Amino acid sequence: MRICTLMAALLAAALCTPALAASAAADEATQSYALDFELKYQTDRRTRGVSDTYNDAGAEFTVTAAHESGALALLQIGSVSKTLFPNGNGMTILGALGYRNGTASGWRYGVGLAQEWFPGASADAPTGVDWMTTAMTGEPTFTGMANTSFDTRYLLLELGYGMLDARYLYVLSQDFRGNNTATLCASTYLPMALMGGDAEPAMRCFGDGMRHTGGSHLLDLDLRMPLNGQTKLIAHLGYQQVANFSDLDGWDYRLGLVHTRWGTDFSIEWVGALLKNRDFANVTDTDASQRRVDAPRIVLGVAKRF
């Protein structure tokens, strides 16, 4: 698969220099790089407070490489719902390269680029509706169709001090995780209109033509406060300003505890999101059942580092 090959190459590039340096200076007490692996299971895998797994359990495997120069590389493979990311294989791949400098107890900063892939996942949806013809014939008549990928690229900036970290992400790709007029309006409002319900929300949603969400702004603030040698408090507050879709603007939050024992992290968190228009968080499955994927809930997790 081209995606896996590309990320393997990126990680290899990040690691080859330190590996050679270490072998050339084997008498040094410390290595010039660190390579960490983590396997994590959660009762609901969420991004920005919204479930990626349709409120079901999910897992992820993360590889992180850090060089003493400040260079960083990350590769993460996680599970997602085929209801939320249709036509895919139920997997997402996150890759990132960047640079970070500073100290854990003082000031630190970083910059990087990240890419999310959702292999095979895409959605075919109308970009507009000919309402007059649809009303006359009784058959849906669309003015156009679009095939949308969920893959997303980000520019990342970080600034931290002590227990606090702030992060800014700018969406470089055409759409932010596949959100645009076709996917949002067609999935949220069009079914009701075509079944004889109120068509006004769908008409408003499609009314401004095809709009994309590239150029969206995402902000995050994270706190990690040690309570004792084995337990820490974690808190997160995020905000998103979605380009061309202010109804998707909103906050997300996370508050919980992480306890480390036997080399394993056990976590309990209260996680949720507050979108300006929560209609977009109501997702219907193929069997016509509906779930709200931004609703606050307790999420349990187990993570093993090795």
C-alpha atoms as a PDB file:
ATOM      1  CA  MET A   1       0.000   0.000   0.000  1.00  0.00           C
ATOM      2  CA  ARG A   2       1.441   3.362  -0.991  1.00  0.00           C
ATOM      3  CA  ILE A   3       0.381   5.002   2.282  1.00  0.00           C
ATOM      4  CA  CYS A   4       2.276   2.541   4.445  1.00  0.00           C
ATOM      5  CA  THR A   5       5.299   2.676   2.154  1.00  0.00           C
ATOM      6  CA  LEU A   6       5.403   6.471   2.336  1.00  0.00           C
ATOM      7  CA  MET A   7       5.191   6.598   6.124  1.00  0.00           C
ATOM      8  CA  ALA A   8       7.790   3.867   6.496  1.00  0.00           C
ATOM      9  CA  ALA A   9      10.118   5.947   4.366  1.00  0.00           C
ATOM     10  CA  LEU A  10       9.458   9.036   6.458  1.00  0.00           C
ATOM     11  CA  LEU A  11      10.168   7.200   9.693  1.00  0.00           C
ATOM     12  CA  ALA A  12      13.272   5.603   8.221  1.00  0.00           C
ATOM     13  CA  ALA A  13      14.578   9.012   7.177  1.00  0.00           C
ATOM     14  CA  ALA A  14      14.015  10.326  10.691  1.00  0.00           C
ATOM     15  CA  LEU A  15      15.786   7.375  12.294  1.00  0.00           C
ATOM     16  CA  CYS A  16      18.661   6.523   9.969  1.00  0.00           C
ATOM     17  CA  THR A  17      20.971   9.353  11.041  1.00  0.00           C
ATOM     18  CA  PRO A  18      20.728   8.708  14.803  1.00  0.00           C
ATOM     19  CA  ALA A  19      21.079   4.974  14.265  1.00  0.00           C
ATOM     20  CA  LEU A  20      24.338   5.481  12.365  1.00  0.00           C
ATOM     21  CA  ALA A  21      25.579   7.949  14.960  1.00  0.00           C
ATOM     22  CA  ALA A  22      24.853   5.508  17.758  1.00  0.00           C
ATOM     23  CA  SER A  23      26.729   2.676  16.069  1.00  0.00           C
ATOM     24  CA  ALA A  24      29.675   4.953  15.368  1.00  0.00           C
ATOM     25  CA  ALA A  25      29.856   6.018  19.004  1.00  0.00           C
ATOM     26  CA  ALA A  26      28.892   2.886  20.871  1.00  0.00           C
ATOM     27  CA  ASP A  27      30.855   3.942  23.912  1.00  0.00           C
ATOM     28  CA  GLU A  28      28.486   6.817  24.644  1.00  0.00           C
ATOM     29  CA  ALA A  29      26.296   6.302  27.709  1.00  0.00           C
ATOM     30  CA  THR A  30      23.132   7.555  26.108  1.00  0.00           C
ATOM     31  CA  GLN A  31      21.481   7.202  22.716  1.00  0.00           C
ATOM     32  CA  SER A  32      20.865  10.206  20.504  1.00  0.00           C
ATOM     33  CA  TYR A  33      17.307   9.118  19.703  1.00  0.00           C
ATOM     34  CA  ALA A  34      14.281   7.524  21.320  1.00  0.00           C
ATOM     35  CA  LEU A  35      11.793   5.131  19.739  1.00  0.00           C
ATOM     36  CA  ASP A  36       8.530   4.486  21.594  1.00  0.00           C
ATOM     37  CA  PHE A  37       5.592   2.170  20.895  1.00  0.00           C
ATOM     38  CA  GLU A  38       2.133   2.341  22.441  1.00  0.00           C
ATOM     39  CA  LEU A  39      -0.910   0.097  22.054  1.00  0.00           C
ATOM     40  CA  LYS A  40      -4.145   1.647  23.334  1.00  0.00           C
ATOM     41  CA  TYR A  41      -7.741   0.477  23.731  1.00  0.00           C
ATOM     42  CA  GLN A  42     -10.660   2.832  24.515  1.00  0.00           C
ATOM     43  CA  THR A  43     -14.373   2.295  25.014  1.00  0.00           C
ATOM     44  CA  ASP A  44     -14.942   5.158  22.524  1.00  0.00           C
ATOM     45  CA  ARG A  45     -12.230   6.533  20.237  1.00  0.00           C
ATOM     46  CA  ARG A  46     -12.804  10.278  19.813  1.00  0.00           C
ATOM     47  CA  THR A  47     -11.263  13.174  17.884  1.00  0.00           C
ATOM     48  CA  ARG A  48     -12.053  16.711  19.051  1.00  0.00           C
ATOM     49  CA  GLY A  49     -14.767  15.311  21.312  1.00  0.00           C
ATOM     50  CA  VAL A  50     -16.605  13.570  18.454  1.00  0.00           C
ATOM     51  CA  SER A  51     -16.615   9.780  18.126  1.00  0.00           C
ATOM     52  CA  ASP A  52     -14.620   8.249  15.263  1.00  0.00           C
ATOM     53  CA  THR A  53     -16.006   4.808  16.131  1.00  0.00           C
ATOM     54  CA  TYR A  54     -19.765   5.595  16.191  1.00  0.00           C
ATOM     55  CA  ASN A  55     -19.759   5.500  20.025  1.00  0.00           C
ATOM     56  CA  ASP A  56     -18.229   2.006  19.975  1.00  0.00           C
ATOM     57  CA  ALA A  57     -14.868   0.811  21.283  1.00  0.00           C
ATOM     58  CA  GLY A  58     -11.686   1.373  19.307  1.00  0.00           C
ATOM     59  CA  ALA A  59      -7.950   0.777  19.370  1.00  0.00           C
ATOM     60  CA  GLU A  60      -4.790   2.435  18.083  1.00  0.00           C
ATOM     61  CA  PHE A  61      -1.096   1.650  17.721  1.00  0.00           C
ATOM     62  CA  THR A  62       1.399   4.529  17.808  1.00  0.00           C
ATOM     63  CA  VAL A  63       5.107   4.698  16.957  1.00  0.00           C
ATOM     64  CA  THR A  64       6.991   7.861  17.967  1.00  0.00           C
ATOM     65  CA  ALA A  65      10.592   8.671  17.080  1.00  0.00           C
ATOM     66  CA  ALA A  66      12.482  11.611  18.623  1.00  0.00           C
ATOM     67  CA  HIS A  67      16.046  12.720  17.888  1.00  0.00           C
ATOM     68  CA  GLU A  68      18.121  14.787  20.295  1.00  0.00           C
ATOM     69  CA  SER A  69      18.251  17.545  17.663  1.00  0.00           C
ATOM     70  CA  GLY A  70      14.506  18.066  18.181  1.00  0.00           C
ATOM     71  CA  ALA A  71      13.327  16.206  15.049  1.00  0.00           C
ATOM     72  CA  LEU A  72      10.172  14.152  15.586  1.00  0.00           C
ATOM     73  CA  ALA A  73       8.248  11.551  13.583  1.00  0.00           C
ATOM     74  CA  LEU A  74       4.959   9.842  14.386  1.00  0.00           C
ATOM     75  CA  LEU A  75       2.962   7.027  12.814  1.00  0.00           C
ATOM     76  CA  GLN A  76      -0.402   5.959  14.218  1.00  0.00           C
ATOM     77  CA  ILE A  77      -2.856   3.334  12.986  1.00  0.00           C
ATOM     78  CA  GLY A  78      -6.337   3.437  14.512  1.00  0.00           C
ATOM     79  CA  SER A  79      -9.814   2.018  14.081  1.00  0.00           C
ATOM     80  CA  VAL A  80     -12.768   4.064  12.795  1.00  0.00           C
ATOM     81  CA  SER A  81     -16.413   3.364  11.991  1.00  0.00           C
ATOM     82  CA  LYS A  82     -17.424   2.493   8.436  1.00  0.00           C
ATOM     83  CA  THR A  83     -20.686   4.327   9.123  1.00  0.00           C
ATOM     84  CA  LEU A  84     -18.806   7.594   9.632  1.00  0.00           C
ATOM     85  CA  PHE A  85     -16.125   6.866   7.008  1.00  0.00           C
ATOM     86  CA  PRO A  86     -17.983   4.809   4.363  1.00  0.00           C
ATOM     87  CA  ASN A  87     -16.388   2.554   1.739  1.00  0.00           C
ATOM     88  CA  GLY A  88     -13.175   2.314   3.749  1.00  0.00           C
ATOM     89  CA  ASN A  89     -11.570  -0.566   5.608  1.00  0.00           C
ATOM     90  CA  GLY A  90     -12.346   0.740   9.100  1.00  0.00           C
ATOM     91  CA  MET A  91      -8.845   2.118   9.605  1.00  0.00           C
ATOM     92  CA  THR A  92      -7.151   5.503   9.766  1.00  0.00           C
ATOM     93  CA  ILE A  93      -3.439   6.255   9.422  1.00  0.00           C
ATOM     94  CA  LEU A  94      -1.902   9.387  10.922  1.00  0.00           C
ATOM     95  CA  GLY A  95       1.610  10.468   9.989  1.00  0.00           C
ATOM     96  CA  ALA A  96       3.510  13.517  11.216  1.00  0.00           C
ATOM     97  CA  LEU A  97       6.970  15.062  10.946  1.00  0.00           C
ATOM     98  CA  GLY A  98       8.119  18.033  12.961  1.00  0.00           C
ATOM     99  CA  TYR A  99      10.574  19.787  15.229  1.00  0.00           C
ATOM    100  CA  ARG A 100      10.323  20.521  18.948  1.00  0.00           C
ATOM    101  CA  ASN A 101      12.681  22.380  21.278  1.00  0.00           C
ATOM    102  CA  GLY A 102      12.664  23.409  24.930  1.00  0.00           C
ATOM    103  CA  THR A 103      12.395  21.703  28.305  1.00  0.00           C
ATOM    104  CA  ALA A 104       9.691  19.685  30.031  1.00  0.00           C
ATOM    105  CA  SER A 105       9.604  22.007  33.043  1.00  0.00           C
ATOM    106  CA  GLY A 106      10.029  25.306  31.187  1.00  0.00           C
ATOM    107  CA  TRP A 107       9.182  26.823  27.826  1.00  0.00           C
ATOM    108  CA  ARG A 108       8.988  24.653  24.703  1.00  0.00           C
ATOM    109  CA  TYR A 109       7.788  25.095  21.152  1.00  0.00           C
ATOM    110  CA  GLY A 110       7.279  23.017  18.042  1.00  0.00           C
ATOM    111  CA  VAL A 111       6.228  23.060  14.396  1.00  0.00           C
ATOM    112  CA  GLY A 112       5.175  20.244  12.110  1.00  0.00           C
ATOM    113  CA  LEU A 113       3.085  18.818   9.294  1.00  0.00           C
ATOM    114  CA  ALA A 114       0.537  16.035   9.730  1.00  0.00           C
ATOM    115  CA  GLN A 115      -1.595  13.935   7.402  1.00  0.00           C
ATOM    116  CA  GLU A 116      -4.610  11.741   8.114  1.00  0.00           C
ATOM    117  CA  TRP A 117      -5.458   8.970   5.669  1.00  0.00           C
ATOM    118  CA  PHE A 118      -8.655   6.939   5.638  1.00  0.00           C
ATOM    119  CA  PRO A 119      -7.756   4.166   3.156  1.00  0.00           C
ATOM    120  CA  GLY A 120     -10.536   3.601   0.627  1.00  0.00           C
ATOM    121  CA  ALA A 121     -13.042   5.784   2.471  1.00  0.00           C
ATOM    122  CA  SER A 122     -15.032   8.242   0.355  1.00  0.00           C
ATOM    123  CA  ALA A 123     -18.580   9.510  -0.094  1.00  0.00           C
ATOM    124  CA  ASP A 124     -20.599  10.197  -3.245  1.00  0.00           C
ATOM    125  CA  ALA A 125     -23.204  12.887  -2.574  1.00  0.00           C
ATOM    126  CA  PRO A 126     -25.099  15.609  -4.484  1.00  0.00           C
ATOM    127  CA  THR A 127     -23.714  19.138  -4.568  1.00  0.00           C
ATOM    128  CA  GLY A 128     -27.166  20.645  -5.130  1.00  0.00           C
ATOM    129  CA  VAL A 129     -30.834  19.853  -5.769  1.00  0.00           C
ATOM    130  CA  ASP A 130     -33.177  21.051  -8.517  1.00  0.00           C
ATOM    131  CA  TRP A 131     -36.105  21.525  -6.167  1.00  0.00           C
ATOM    132  CA  MET A 132     -38.606  22.556  -8.856  1.00  0.00           C
ATOM    133  CA  THR A 133     -37.997  19.502 -11.025  1.00  0.00           C
ATOM    134  CA  THR A 134     -37.949  17.253  -7.977  1.00  0.00           C
ATOM    135  CA  ALA A 135     -41.356  18.608  -6.890  1.00  0.00           C
ATOM    136  CA  MET A 136     -42.841  18.236 -10.377  1.00  0.00           C
ATOM    137  CA  THR A 137     -41.622  14.710 -11.081  1.00  0.00           C
ATOM    138  CA  GLY A 138     -41.537  13.306  -7.591  1.00  0.00           C
ATOM    139  CA  GLU A 139     -38.029  12.012  -8.325  1.00  0.00           C
ATOM    140  CA  PRO A 140     -34.855  13.510  -6.810  1.00  0.00           C
ATOM    141  CA  THR A 141     -33.053  15.656  -9.385  1.00  0.00           C
ATOM    142  CA  PHE A 142     -29.539  16.749  -8.502  1.00  0.00           C
ATOM    143  CA  THR A 143     -27.554  19.554 -10.102  1.00  0.00           C
ATOM    144  CA  GLY A 144     -24.242  17.768  -9.578  1.00  0.00           C
ATOM    145  CA  MET A 145     -22.409  15.028  -7.690  1.00  0.00           C
ATOM    146  CA  ALA A 146     -19.112  15.009  -5.815  1.00  0.00           C
ATOM    147  CA  ASN A 147     -16.844  12.223  -4.627  1.00  0.00           C
ATOM    148  CA  THR A 148     -15.253  13.326  -1.348  1.00  0.00           C
ATOM    149  CA  SER A 149     -12.194  11.883   0.375  1.00  0.00           C
ATOM    150  CA  PHE A 150     -11.768  12.169   4.140  1.00  0.00           C
ATOM    151  CA  ASP A 151      -7.954  12.522   3.970  1.00  0.00           C
ATOM    152  CA  THR A 152      -6.761  15.716   5.671  1.00  0.00           C
ATOM    153  CA  ARG A 153      -3.459  17.629   5.889  1.00  0.00           C
ATOM    154  CA  TYR A 154      -2.534  19.992   8.729  1.00  0.00           C
ATOM    155  CA  LEU A 155       0.045  22.601   9.616  1.00  0.00           C
ATOM    156  CA  LEU A 156       0.834  22.357  13.335  1.00  0.00           C
ATOM    157  CA  LEU A 157       2.269  24.909  15.778  1.00  0.00           C
ATOM    158  CA  GLU A 158       2.861  24.220  19.481  1.00  0.00           C
ATOM    159  CA  LEU A 159       3.794  26.292  22.522  1.00  0.00           C
ATOM    160  CA  GLY A 160       4.053  24.980  26.053  1.00  0.00           C
ATOM    161  CA  TYR A 161       5.220  25.820  29.547  1.00  0.00           C
ATOM    162  CA  GLY A 162       5.396  23.434  32.475  1.00  0.00           C
ATOM    163  CA  MET A 163       2.187  21.426  32.697  1.00  0.00           C
ATOM    164  CA  LEU A 164       0.396  23.409  29.945  1.00  0.00           C
ATOM    165  CA  ASP A 165       0.545  22.917  26.171  1.00  0.00           C
ATOM    166  CA  ALA A 166      -1.212  24.978  23.489  1.00  0.00           C
ATOM    167  CA  ARG A 167      -1.606  23.779  19.917  1.00  0.00           C
ATOM    168  CA  TYR A 168      -2.821  25.406  16.692  1.00  0.00           C
ATOM    169  CA  LEU A 169      -3.705  23.457  13.556  1.00  0.00           C
ATOM    170  CA  TYR A 170      -4.511  24.880  10.134  1.00  0.00           C
ATOM    171  CA  VAL A 171      -6.257  22.657   7.584  1.00  0.00           C
ATOM    172  CA  LEU A 172      -4.184  22.609   4.386  1.00  0.00           C
ATOM    173  CA  SER A 173      -6.329  20.144   2.423  1.00  0.00           C
ATOM    174  CA  GLN A 174      -9.453  21.008   0.432  1.00  0.00           C
ATOM    175  CA  ASP A 175     -11.722  19.667   3.176  1.00  0.00           C
ATOM    176  CA  PHE A 176     -11.483  19.069   6.921  1.00  0.00           C
ATOM    177  CA  ARG A 177     -12.111  15.337   7.317  1.00  0.00           C
ATOM    178  CA  GLY A 178     -14.453  15.270   4.315  1.00  0.00           C
ATOM    179  CA  ASN A 179     -16.808  18.015   5.485  1.00  0.00           C
ATOM    180  CA  ASN A 180     -18.305  20.012   2.599  1.00  0.00           C
ATOM    181  CA  THR A 181     -21.708  20.925   1.146  1.00  0.00           C
ATOM    182  CA  ALA A 182     -22.210  17.527  -0.467  1.00  0.00           C
ATOM    183  CA  THR A 183     -21.415  15.363   2.569  1.00  0.00           C
ATOM    184  CA  LEU A 184     -22.960  17.581   5.264  1.00  0.00           C
ATOM    185  CA  CYS A 185     -26.178  18.710   3.590  1.00  0.00           C
ATOM    186  CA  ALA A 186     -26.928  15.395   1.905  1.00  0.00           C
ATOM    187  CA  SER A 187     -26.469  13.295   5.029  1.00  0.00           C
ATOM    188  CA  THR A 188     -28.097  15.642   7.550  1.00  0.00           C
ATOM    189  CA  TYR A 189     -31.052  17.322   5.823  1.00  0.00           C
ATOM    190  CA  LEU A 190     -31.699  15.787   2.395  1.00  0.00           C
ATOM    191  CA  PRO A 191     -33.240  12.453   3.501  1.00  0.00           C
ATOM    192  CA  MET A 192     -36.009  14.211   5.459  1.00  0.00           C
ATOM    193  CA  ALA A 193     -36.758  16.559   2.549  1.00  0.00           C
ATOM    194  CA  LEU A 194     -37.000  13.715   0.028  1.00  0.00           C
ATOM    195  CA  MET A 195     -39.331  11.764   2.321  1.00  0.00           C
ATOM    196  CA  GLY A 196     -41.840  14.633   2.339  1.00  0.00           C
ATOM    197  CA  GLY A 197     -40.626  16.394   5.464  1.00  0.00           C
ATOM    198  CA  ASP A 198     -39.572  20.010   5.890  1.00  0.00           C
ATOM    199  CA  ALA A 199     -37.307  20.866   2.943  1.00  0.00           C
ATOM    200  CA  GLU A 200     -36.327  24.320   4.230  1.00  0.00           C
ATOM    201  CA  PRO A 201     -33.185  23.190   6.166  1.00  0.00           C
ATOM    202  CA  ALA A 202     -31.904  21.306   3.106  1.00  0.00           C
ATOM    203  CA  MET A 203     -32.612  24.252   0.807  1.00  0.00           C
ATOM    204  CA  ARG A 204     -30.703  26.590   3.127  1.00  0.00           C
ATOM    205  CA  CYS A 205     -27.792  24.169   3.417  1.00  0.00           C
ATOM    206  CA  PHE A 206     -27.421  23.666  -0.358  1.00  0.00           C
ATOM    207  CA  GLY A 207     -28.338  27.273  -1.141  1.00  0.00           C
ATOM    208  CA  ASP A 208     -24.834  28.776  -1.250  1.00  0.00           C
ATOM    209  CA  GLY A 209     -23.457  26.231  -3.700  1.00  0.00           C
ATOM    210  CA  MET A 210     -20.536  23.878  -3.201  1.00  0.00           C
ATOM    211  CA  ARG A 211     -18.466  24.950  -0.182  1.00  0.00           C
ATOM    212  CA  HIS A 212     -15.329  23.348   1.241  1.00  0.00           C
ATOM    213  CA  THR A 213     -13.798  23.416   4.721  1.00  0.00           C
ATOM    214  CA  GLY A 214     -10.120  23.770   3.874  1.00  0.00           C
ATOM    215  CA  GLY A 215      -8.584  26.687   5.765  1.00  0.00           C
ATOM    216  CA  SER A 216     -10.295  25.776   9.042  1.00  0.00           C
ATOM    217  CA  HIS A 217      -8.615  26.753  12.334  1.00  0.00           C
ATOM    218  CA  LEU A 218      -8.277  24.378  15.301  1.00  0.00           C
ATOM    219  CA  LEU A 219      -7.057  25.345  18.788  1.00  0.00           C
ATOM    220  CA  ASP A 220      -6.196  23.067  21.726  1.00  0.00           C
ATOM    221  CA  LEU A 221      -5.140  23.638  25.335  1.00  0.00           C
ATOM    222  CA  ASP A 222      -3.942  20.655  27.386  1.00  0.00           C
ATOM    223  CA  LEU A 223      -3.040  20.285  31.049  1.00  0.00           C
ATOM    224  CA  ARG A 224      -1.230  17.347  32.657  1.00  0.00           C
ATOM    225  CA  MET A 225      -0.892  17.692  36.415  1.00  0.00           C
ATOM    226  CA  PRO A 226       0.834  14.963  38.481  1.00  0.00           C
ATOM    227  CA  LEU A 227      -1.133  14.109  41.626  1.00  0.00           C
ATOM    228  CA  ASN A 228       1.393  11.590  42.913  1.00  0.00           C
ATOM    229  CA  GLY A 229       4.029   9.294  41.485  1.00  0.00           C
ATOM    230  CA  GLN A 230       1.518   7.108  39.657  1.00  0.00           C
ATOM    231  CA  THR A 231      -1.544   9.272  38.961  1.00  0.00           C
ATOM    232  CA  LYS A 232      -2.052  12.469  36.988  1.00  0.00           C
ATOM    233  CA  LEU A 233      -4.956  14.734  36.162  1.00  0.00           C
ATOM    234  CA  ILE A 234      -5.512  15.439  32.473  1.00  0.00           C
ATOM    235  CA  ALA A 235      -7.684  18.234  31.082  1.00  0.00           C
ATOM    236  CA  HIS A 236      -8.304  19.441  27.541  1.00  0.00           C
ATOM    237  CA  LEU A 237     -10.235  22.311  25.995  1.00  0.00           C
ATOM    238  CA  GLY A 238     -10.456  22.752  22.226  1.00  0.00           C
ATOM    239  CA  TYR A 239     -12.113  25.120  19.785  1.00  0.00           C
ATOM    240  CA  GLN A 240     -12.670  24.801  16.047  1.00  0.00           C
ATOM    241  CA  GLN A 241     -13.605  27.483  13.514  1.00  0.00           C
ATOM    242  CA  VAL A 242     -14.661  25.651  10.368  1.00  0.00           C
ATOM    243  CA  ALA A 243     -14.275  27.536   7.090  1.00  0.00           C
ATOM    244  CA  ASN A 244     -17.573  28.188   5.222  1.00  0.00           C
ATOM    245  CA  PHE A 245     -19.571  26.210   7.802  1.00  0.00           C
ATOM    246  CA  SER A 246     -19.943  28.238  10.980  1.00  0.00           C
ATOM    247  CA  ASP A 247     -22.558  25.732  12.171  1.00  0.00           C
ATOM    248  CA  LEU A 248     -19.655  23.314  12.751  1.00  0.00           C
ATOM    249  CA  ASP A 249     -17.832  25.810  14.983  1.00  0.00           C
ATOM    250  CA  GLY A 250     -17.686  24.672  18.573  1.00  0.00           C
ATOM    251  CA  TRP A 251     -15.854  23.495  21.647  1.00  0.00           C
ATOM    252  CA  ASP A 252     -14.627  20.103  22.794  1.00  0.00           C
ATOM    253  CA  TYR A 253     -13.464  19.058  26.237  1.00  0.00           C
ATOM    254  CA  ARG A 254     -11.868  16.218  28.142  1.00  0.00           C
ATOM    255  CA  LEU A 255     -11.312  15.758  31.887  1.00  0.00           C
ATOM    256  CA  GLY A 256      -9.942  12.653  33.509  1.00  0.00           C
ATOM    257  CA  LEU A 257      -7.358  10.691  35.461  1.00  0.00           C
ATOM    258  CA  VAL A 258      -4.530   8.441  34.291  1.00  0.00           C
ATOM    259  CA  HIS A 259      -3.072   5.881  36.696  1.00  0.00           C
ATOM    260  CA  THR A 260       0.108   3.997  35.803  1.00  0.00           C
ATOM    261  CA  ARG A 261       0.686   0.520  37.212  1.00  0.00           C
ATOM    262  CA  TRP A 262       2.666  -2.475  35.920  1.00  0.00           C
ATOM    263  CA  GLY A 263       3.889  -0.313  33.059  1.00  0.00           C
ATOM    264  CA  THR A 264       0.306   0.209  31.866  1.00  0.00           C
ATOM    265  CA  ASP A 265      -1.794   3.395  31.816  1.00  0.00           C
ATOM    266  CA  PHE A 266      -5.397   3.064  33.014  1.00  0.00           C
ATOM    267  CA  SER A 267      -7.558   6.089  32.222  1.00  0.00           C
ATOM    268  CA  ILE A 268     -11.046   7.367  32.902  1.00  0.00           C
ATOM    269  CA  GLU A 269     -12.218  10.525  31.116  1.00  0.00           C
ATOM    270  CA  TRP A 270     -15.341  12.629  30.635  1.00  0.00           C
ATOM    271  CA  VAL A 271     -15.329  13.577  26.944  1.00  0.00           C
ATOM    272  CA  GLY A 272     -17.687  15.536  24.713  1.00  0.00           C
ATOM    273  CA  ALA A 273     -18.224  18.369  22.238  1.00  0.00           C
ATOM    274  CA  LEU A 274     -20.518  21.379  21.866  1.00  0.00           C
ATOM    275  CA  LEU A 275     -21.141  22.183  18.198  1.00  0.00           C
ATOM    276  CA  LYS A 276     -22.994  25.337  17.214  1.00  0.00           C
ATOM    277  CA  ASN A 277     -25.480  23.225  15.249  1.00  0.00           C
ATOM    278  CA  ARG A 278     -25.743  19.770  16.763  1.00  0.00           C
ATOM    279  CA  ASP A 279     -27.837  18.475  13.840  1.00  0.00           C
ATOM    280  CA  PHE A 280     -24.542  17.584  12.176  1.00  0.00           C
ATOM    281  CA  ALA A 281     -23.682  15.243  15.063  1.00  0.00           C
ATOM    282  CA  ASN A 282     -26.770  13.066  14.529  1.00  0.00           C
ATOM    283  CA  VAL A 283     -25.596  10.214  12.286  1.00  0.00           C
ATOM    284  CA  THR A 284     -27.905   7.589  10.778  1.00  0.00           C
ATOM    285  CA  ASP A 285     -26.680   4.043  10.153  1.00  0.00           C
ATOM    286  CA  THR A 286     -27.625   1.821   7.208  1.00  0.00           C
ATOM    287  CA  ASP A 287     -30.334   0.188   9.345  1.00  0.00           C
ATOM    288  CA  ALA A 288     -31.896   3.652   9.943  1.00  0.00           C
ATOM    289  CA  SER A 289     -30.798   3.790  13.588  1.00  0.00           C
ATOM    290  CA  GLN A 290     -29.383   7.132  14.711  1.00  0.00           C
ATOM    291  CA  ARG A 291     -26.645   8.027  17.197  1.00  0.00           C
ATOM    292  CA  ARG A 292     -25.391  11.354  18.479  1.00  0.00           C
ATOM    293  CA  VAL A 293     -21.609  11.199  18.151  1.00  0.00           C
ATOM    294  CA  ASP A 294     -20.781  14.359  20.127  1.00  0.00           C
ATOM    295  CA  ALA A 295     -22.749  13.527  23.294  1.00  0.00           C
ATOM    296  CA  PRO A 296     -20.666  13.641  26.511  1.00  0.00           C
ATOM    297  CA  ARG A 297     -19.801  10.292  28.027  1.00  0.00           C
ATOM    298  CA  ILE A 298     -17.312   8.469  30.216  1.00  0.00           C
ATOM    299  CA  VAL A 299     -14.494   6.867  28.221  1.00  0.00           C
ATOM    300  CA  LEU A 300     -12.287   4.170  29.740  1.00  0.00           C
ATOM    301  CA  GLY A 301      -8.871   3.349  28.345  1.00  0.00           C
ATOM    302  CA  VAL A 302      -5.906   1.002  28.725  1.00  0.00           C
ATOM    303  CA  ALA A 303      -2.535   1.807  27.141  1.00  0.00           C
ATOM    304  CA  LYS A 304       0.685  -0.201  27.155  1.00  0.00           C
ATOM    305  CA  ARG A 305       4.018   1.360  26.218  1.00  0.00           C
ATOM    306  CA  PHE A 306       6.955  -0.737  25.127  1.00  0.00           C
END
